[in-house]
Amino acid sequence: MVSRSAYAQLRHSPSLLAGTVAGLALVYLAPPLTLCAGLLSVDGVAAWAGGLAWAVMTATYLPVLRYYRQPLWLAPALPFTAVLYLLMTVDSAVQHYRGRGAAWKGRTYPRPETAPER
């Protein structure tokens, strides 16, 4: 579903795609990567900052998991979920440029006329 519609939701805009990818990477991927880099390079400040950011991300996701009655141990896995979403979003753009965007049940739909960006 995401791969089929994500690029359309971004109005088929390469700049919106780049911004989305950068935003997802900054918000969801930077904390665990910073933690790992800090631990590997024995940089306590980087490890602490990455770990704290990941902990805040995990804590803010807990209410969503409670609401949907999902196991709370899934909260620290949010960055991995974000990676999957990021890859599906990029795949949506790739499929669009290959002429296979917005495919559903073996049918592909042409690119709609987009409104000009404001």
Protein backbone atom coordinates (compact mmCIF):
# COMPACT_ATOMS: atom_id res chain seq x y z
CA MET A 1 0.00 0.00 0.00
CA VAL A 2 2.74 2.49 0.92
CA SER A 3 4.85 1.64 -2.09
CA ARG A 4 1.85 2.07 -4.32
CA SER A 5 0.76 5.49 -3.06
CA ALA A 6 3.60 7.28 -1.25
CA TYR A 7 5.02 9.14 -4.23
CA ALA A 8 1.54 10.22 -5.32
CA GLN A 9 1.00 11.67 -1.84
CA LEU A 10 4.21 13.62 -2.35
CA ARG A 11 2.63 15.03 -5.56
CA HIS A 12 5.30 13.26 -7.65
CA SER A 13 7.80 15.86 -6.46
CA PRO A 14 11.48 14.91 -6.30
CA SER A 15 12.13 17.75 -3.83
CA LEU A 16 9.36 16.55 -1.49
CA LEU A 17 10.75 13.02 -1.77
CA ALA A 18 14.24 14.24 -0.85
CA GLY A 19 12.84 16.20 2.09
CA THR A 20 10.84 13.21 3.29
CA VAL A 21 13.83 10.89 3.09
CA ALA A 22 16.04 13.43 4.90
CA GLY A 23 13.40 13.98 7.58
CA LEU A 24 12.86 10.27 8.18
CA ALA A 25 16.60 9.70 8.37
CA LEU A 26 17.15 12.58 10.78
CA VAL A 27 14.27 11.77 13.11
CA TYR A 28 14.31 7.97 13.13
CA LEU A 29 17.73 6.79 11.96
CA ALA A 30 20.13 9.33 13.41
CA PRO A 31 19.55 8.37 17.08
CA PRO A 32 20.44 4.65 16.78
CA LEU A 33 23.26 5.39 14.34
CA THR A 34 24.67 8.03 16.68
CA LEU A 35 24.43 5.64 19.61
CA CYS A 36 26.25 2.89 17.69
CA ALA A 37 28.89 5.28 16.35
CA GLY A 38 29.46 6.67 19.84
CA LEU A 39 29.84 3.20 21.32
CA LEU A 40 32.19 2.04 18.57
CA SER A 41 34.38 5.15 18.74
CA VAL A 42 34.21 5.34 22.55
CA ASP A 43 32.67 8.81 22.29
CA GLY A 44 30.58 9.03 25.43
CA VAL A 45 28.81 12.24 24.45
CA ALA A 46 27.66 10.87 21.08
CA ALA A 47 26.60 7.57 22.63
CA TRP A 48 24.72 9.36 25.38
CA ALA A 49 23.00 11.77 22.95
CA GLY A 50 22.01 8.97 20.56
CA GLY A 51 20.79 6.78 23.39
CA LEU A 52 18.79 9.62 24.94
CA ALA A 53 17.18 10.51 21.61
CA TRP A 54 16.28 6.87 20.98
CA ALA A 55 14.85 6.60 24.51
CA VAL A 56 12.68 9.69 23.97
CA MET A 57 11.49 8.28 20.63
CA THR A 58 10.67 4.98 22.33
CA ALA A 59 8.82 6.67 25.20
CA THR A 60 6.70 8.79 22.87
CA TYR A 61 5.70 5.69 20.87
CA LEU A 62 4.46 3.77 23.93
CA PRO A 63 1.02 5.44 24.06
CA VAL A 64 0.37 4.42 20.44
CA LEU A 65 1.27 0.83 21.21
CA ARG A 66 -0.96 0.86 24.29
CA TYR A 67 -3.85 2.34 22.31
CA TYR A 68 -3.61 -0.39 19.66
CA ARG A 69 -2.96 -3.06 22.33
CA GLN A 70 0.40 -4.01 20.89
CA PRO A 71 3.35 -5.36 22.89
CA LEU A 72 5.37 -2.54 24.43
CA TRP A 73 8.66 -4.25 23.57
CA LEU A 74 8.03 -3.11 19.96
CA ALA A 75 8.68 0.54 20.88
CA PRO A 76 12.50 0.43 20.50
CA ALA A 77 12.01 -1.10 17.03
CA LEU A 78 10.48 2.11 15.65
CA PRO A 79 13.68 3.05 13.73
CA PHE A 80 13.54 -0.29 11.90
CA THR A 81 9.92 0.34 10.98
CA ALA A 82 10.94 3.78 9.72
CA VAL A 83 13.61 2.20 7.51
CA LEU A 84 10.97 -0.02 5.92
CA TYR A 85 8.67 2.95 5.38
CA LEU A 86 11.55 4.97 3.88
CA LEU A 87 12.41 2.14 1.49
CA MET A 88 8.78 1.73 0.43
CA THR A 89 8.53 5.48 -0.20
CA VAL A 90 11.66 5.48 -2.36
CA ASP A 91 10.41 2.35 -4.16
CA SER A 92 7.18 4.20 -4.91
CA ALA A 93 9.15 6.92 -6.70
CA VAL A 94 11.33 4.37 -8.53
CA GLN A 95 8.25 2.48 -9.73
CA HIS A 96 6.67 5.76 -10.86
CA TYR A 97 9.70 6.68 -12.97
CA ARG A 98 9.78 3.17 -14.45
CA GLY A 99 6.19 3.69 -15.58
CA ARG A 100 4.76 1.23 -13.05
CA GLY A 101 3.61 3.67 -10.40
CA ALA A 102 0.18 3.40 -8.80
CA ALA A 103 -0.19 -0.27 -9.75
CA TRP A 104 -3.07 -2.24 -8.28
CA LYS A 105 -4.13 -5.78 -9.13
CA GLY A 106 -2.05 -5.86 -12.28
CA ARG A 107 -3.28 -2.50 -13.57
CA THR A 108 -1.23 0.67 -13.67
CA TYR A 109 -2.72 4.11 -13.58
CA PRO A 110 -1.27 7.10 -15.41
CA ARG A 111 0.25 10.00 -13.58
CA PRO A 112 -2.49 12.54 -12.86
CA GLU A 113 -2.06 16.16 -13.69
CA THR A 114 -0.59 17.65 -10.55
CA ALA A 115 -1.43 21.02 -9.13
CA PRO A 116 1.44 23.48 -9.27
CA GLU A 117 3.50 23.65 -6.10
CA ARG A 118 2.92 26.74 -4.03
